[in-house]
Structure formats: C-alpha cells, structure tokens
Amino acid sequence: MTLAWYGHLKLQENGVSNNWPLIGVIAFSWMIAFFEYCCQVPANRLGFVENGGPFNLIQLKVIQECISLAVFCIIANIMFQGTHLHWNHILAFFLIICAVYLVFMK
C-alpha cells in the first residue's frame, strides 16, 4: 500500500502524472495495491487463529502496522531522497516494536 499511496507523488514530482485527473491517479494506485491485497488477504486468512493459524486479530493488525511502517521508511528513503529519519522517528519505531512485544506477551 505504501507504493500505491505515495508512488504517485514521485510520478508527479517527475512530471509523469501532472496532467492525470484525480480518478486516474486513484485507478493507478488501486492497480498497484491489488497485488498487495492478493498477498495480504490470504496471509491474514491463513494466520488467523480461528482458521488454524497462530495469531489473533489484534496480533495480525499490529504485525501489519509494523511491517507497513518499515516498508514505508525504505520506500520513502529510496524514492524521496530528501526524507531523513530523526531521533523521534527512531524512538517511535522502537515503541512500535515494544507494542509488538506487548501484544504477543502472555
């Protein structure tokens, strides 16, 4: 979703999508997001405890958020070279990792 949500900004920055109507940008983003949904939905279905998986609903969501933020940082630093992580961003990620730990704590 990160690429779908923010990739069009890079296209606009490069002049590729400057003249696209908003509905065109939305359709382009949904085409990118479709692949992620094709991976995420089966992963949630297989991982959910009521379907035989090891994770409850809250655990699945916290894992997804943690992965999404990690991917966002990578894509933001690759696509938008001027984006830098500061100490408060690092602290925020540490706290998200703490949230993952707390969610899995028995």
C-alpha atoms as a PDB file:
ATOM      1  CA  MET A   1       0.000   0.000   0.000  1.00  0.00           C
ATOM      2  CA  THR A   2       2.923   2.319   0.625  1.00  0.00           C
ATOM      3  CA  LEU A   3       3.886   2.332  -3.029  1.00  0.00           C
ATOM      4  CA  ALA A   4       0.252   2.771  -4.072  1.00  0.00           C
ATOM      5  CA  TRP A   5      -0.323   5.615  -1.636  1.00  0.00           C
ATOM      6  CA  TYR A   6       2.911   7.529  -2.174  1.00  0.00           C
ATOM      7  CA  GLY A   7       4.284   6.355  -5.539  1.00  0.00           C
ATOM      8  CA  HIS A   8       2.022   8.712  -7.451  1.00  0.00           C
ATOM      9  CA  LEU A   9       3.686  11.612  -5.630  1.00  0.00           C
ATOM     10  CA  LYS A  10       7.018  10.599  -7.151  1.00  0.00           C
ATOM     11  CA  LEU A  11       5.387  10.327 -10.575  1.00  0.00           C
ATOM     12  CA  GLN A  12       4.025  13.839 -10.115  1.00  0.00           C
ATOM     13  CA  GLU A  13       7.433  15.083  -8.956  1.00  0.00           C
ATOM     14  CA  ASN A  14       8.970  13.641 -12.149  1.00  0.00           C
ATOM     15  CA  GLY A  15       6.268  15.234 -14.308  1.00  0.00           C
ATOM     16  CA  VAL A  16       4.753  11.911 -15.401  1.00  0.00           C
ATOM     17  CA  SER A  17       1.327  12.334 -13.807  1.00  0.00           C
ATOM     18  CA  ASN A  18       0.966  16.109 -13.678  1.00  0.00           C
ATOM     19  CA  ASN A  19      -1.931  16.107 -16.130  1.00  0.00           C
ATOM     20  CA  TRP A  20      -3.674  12.991 -14.820  1.00  0.00           C
ATOM     21  CA  PRO A  21      -7.143  13.546 -13.400  1.00  0.00           C
ATOM     22  CA  LEU A  22      -7.623  12.509  -9.782  1.00  0.00           C
ATOM     23  CA  ILE A  23      -9.650   9.453 -10.832  1.00  0.00           C
ATOM     24  CA  GLY A  24      -6.695   8.348 -12.992  1.00  0.00           C
ATOM     25  CA  VAL A  25      -4.306   8.629 -10.057  1.00  0.00           C
ATOM     26  CA  ILE A  26      -6.749   6.670  -7.888  1.00  0.00           C
ATOM     27  CA  ALA A  27      -7.103   3.922 -10.537  1.00  0.00           C
ATOM     28  CA  PHE A  28      -3.313   3.711 -10.925  1.00  0.00           C
ATOM     29  CA  SER A  29      -2.863   3.415  -7.168  1.00  0.00           C
ATOM     30  CA  TRP A  30      -5.514   0.694  -6.932  1.00  0.00           C
ATOM     31  CA  MET A  31      -3.788  -1.296  -9.674  1.00  0.00           C
ATOM     32  CA  ILE A  32      -0.611  -1.263  -7.577  1.00  0.00           C
ATOM     33  CA  ALA A  33      -2.486  -2.043  -4.359  1.00  0.00           C
ATOM     34  CA  PHE A  34      -4.287  -5.016  -5.943  1.00  0.00           C
ATOM     35  CA  PHE A  35      -1.090  -7.102  -5.815  1.00  0.00           C
ATOM     36  CA  GLU A  36      -0.609  -6.367  -2.123  1.00  0.00           C
ATOM     37  CA  TYR A  37      -4.195  -7.316  -1.365  1.00  0.00           C
ATOM     38  CA  CYS A  38      -3.666 -10.578  -3.235  1.00  0.00           C
ATOM     39  CA  CYS A  39      -0.868 -11.343  -0.751  1.00  0.00           C
ATOM     40  CA  GLN A  40      -2.269  -9.788   2.437  1.00  0.00           C
ATOM     41  CA  VAL A  41      -5.744 -11.307   2.422  1.00  0.00           C
ATOM     42  CA  PRO A  42      -4.533 -14.931   2.169  1.00  0.00           C
ATOM     43  CA  ALA A  43      -1.831 -14.234   4.778  1.00  0.00           C
ATOM     44  CA  ASN A  44      -4.420 -12.933   7.234  1.00  0.00           C
ATOM     45  CA  ARG A  45      -6.751 -15.807   6.458  1.00  0.00           C
ATOM     46  CA  LEU A  46      -4.039 -18.430   6.998  1.00  0.00           C
ATOM     47  CA  GLY A  47      -2.553 -16.687  10.023  1.00  0.00           C
ATOM     48  CA  PHE A  48      -5.834 -16.122  11.879  1.00  0.00           C
ATOM     49  CA  VAL A  49      -6.276 -18.381  14.899  1.00  0.00           C
ATOM     50  CA  GLU A  50      -9.856 -19.355  14.012  1.00  0.00           C
ATOM     51  CA  ASN A  51      -8.602 -20.671  10.664  1.00  0.00           C
ATOM     52  CA  GLY A  52      -5.848 -22.735  12.283  1.00  0.00           C
ATOM     53  CA  GLY A  53      -3.187 -20.023  12.322  1.00  0.00           C
ATOM     54  CA  PRO A  54      -1.177 -18.847  15.321  1.00  0.00           C
ATOM     55  CA  PHE A  55      -2.318 -15.182  15.532  1.00  0.00           C
ATOM     56  CA  ASN A  56      -5.386 -13.445  16.908  1.00  0.00           C
ATOM     57  CA  LEU A  57      -6.883 -10.424  15.158  1.00  0.00           C
ATOM     58  CA  ILE A  58      -5.028  -7.837  17.249  1.00  0.00           C
ATOM     59  CA  GLN A  59      -1.692  -9.553  16.703  1.00  0.00           C
ATOM     60  CA  LEU A  60      -2.256  -9.641  12.952  1.00  0.00           C
ATOM     61  CA  LYS A  61      -3.016  -5.912  12.887  1.00  0.00           C
ATOM     62  CA  VAL A  62      -0.004  -4.916  14.982  1.00  0.00           C
ATOM     63  CA  ILE A  63       2.288  -7.044  12.808  1.00  0.00           C
ATOM     64  CA  GLN A  64       0.802  -5.450   9.682  1.00  0.00           C
ATOM     65  CA  GLU A  65       1.337  -1.919  11.010  1.00  0.00           C
ATOM     66  CA  CYS A  66       4.923  -2.653  11.982  1.00  0.00           C
ATOM     67  CA  ILE A  67       5.701  -4.107   8.546  1.00  0.00           C
ATOM     68  CA  SER A  68       3.920  -1.219   6.799  1.00  0.00           C
ATOM     69  CA  LEU A  69       5.981   1.382   8.647  1.00  0.00           C
ATOM     70  CA  ALA A  70       9.234  -0.443   7.949  1.00  0.00           C
ATOM     71  CA  VAL A  71       8.381  -0.674   4.240  1.00  0.00           C
ATOM     72  CA  PHE A  72       7.342   2.998   4.245  1.00  0.00           C
ATOM     73  CA  CYS A  73      10.753   4.031   5.597  1.00  0.00           C
ATOM     74  CA  ILE A  74      12.548   2.036   2.933  1.00  0.00           C
ATOM     75  CA  ILE A  75      10.401   3.333   0.075  1.00  0.00           C
ATOM     76  CA  ALA A  76      10.474   6.914   1.358  1.00  0.00           C
ATOM     77  CA  ASN A  77      14.272   6.870   1.563  1.00  0.00           C
ATOM     78  CA  ILE A  78      14.636   5.314  -1.899  1.00  0.00           C
ATOM     79  CA  MET A  79      12.014   7.355  -3.752  1.00  0.00           C
ATOM     80  CA  PHE A  80      12.255  10.622  -1.858  1.00  0.00           C
ATOM     81  CA  GLN A  81      15.962  11.117  -1.268  1.00  0.00           C
ATOM     82  CA  GLY A  82      15.432  14.209   0.889  1.00  0.00           C
ATOM     83  CA  THR A  83      13.468  12.280   3.513  1.00  0.00           C
ATOM     84  CA  HIS A  84      15.542  11.578   6.609  1.00  0.00           C
ATOM     85  CA  LEU A  85      14.860   9.746   9.830  1.00  0.00           C
ATOM     86  CA  HIS A  86      15.359  11.748  13.007  1.00  0.00           C
ATOM     87  CA  TRP A  87      15.694  10.651  16.625  1.00  0.00           C
ATOM     88  CA  ASN A  88      11.949  10.944  17.252  1.00  0.00           C
ATOM     89  CA  HIS A  89      11.215   8.653  14.288  1.00  0.00           C
ATOM     90  CA  ILE A  90      13.651   6.059  15.619  1.00  0.00           C
ATOM     91  CA  LEU A  91      12.042   6.317  19.063  1.00  0.00           C
ATOM     92  CA  ALA A  92       8.587   5.926  17.527  1.00  0.00           C
ATOM     93  CA  PHE A  93       9.685   2.754  15.716  1.00  0.00           C
ATOM     94  CA  PHE A  94      11.174   1.412  18.927  1.00  0.00           C
ATOM     95  CA  LEU A  95       7.851   1.989  20.667  1.00  0.00           C
ATOM     96  CA  ILE A  96       6.036   0.184  17.851  1.00  0.00           C
ATOM     97  CA  ILE A  97       8.378  -2.767  18.347  1.00  0.00           C
ATOM     98  CA  CYS A  98       7.509  -2.588  22.051  1.00  0.00           C
ATOM     99  CA  ALA A  99       3.833  -2.724  21.047  1.00  0.00           C
ATOM    100  CA  VAL A 100       4.507  -5.900  19.065  1.00  0.00           C
ATOM    101  CA  TYR A 101       6.208  -7.397  22.105  1.00  0.00           C
ATOM    102  CA  LEU A 102       3.314  -6.436  24.389  1.00  0.00           C
ATOM    103  CA  VAL A 103       0.704  -7.857  22.027  1.00  0.00           C
ATOM    104  CA  PHE A 104       2.465 -11.210  21.992  1.00  0.00           C
ATOM    105  CA  MET A 105       3.088 -11.278  25.741  1.00  0.00           C
ATOM    106  CA  LYS A 106       1.106 -13.999  27.513  1.00  0.00           C
END
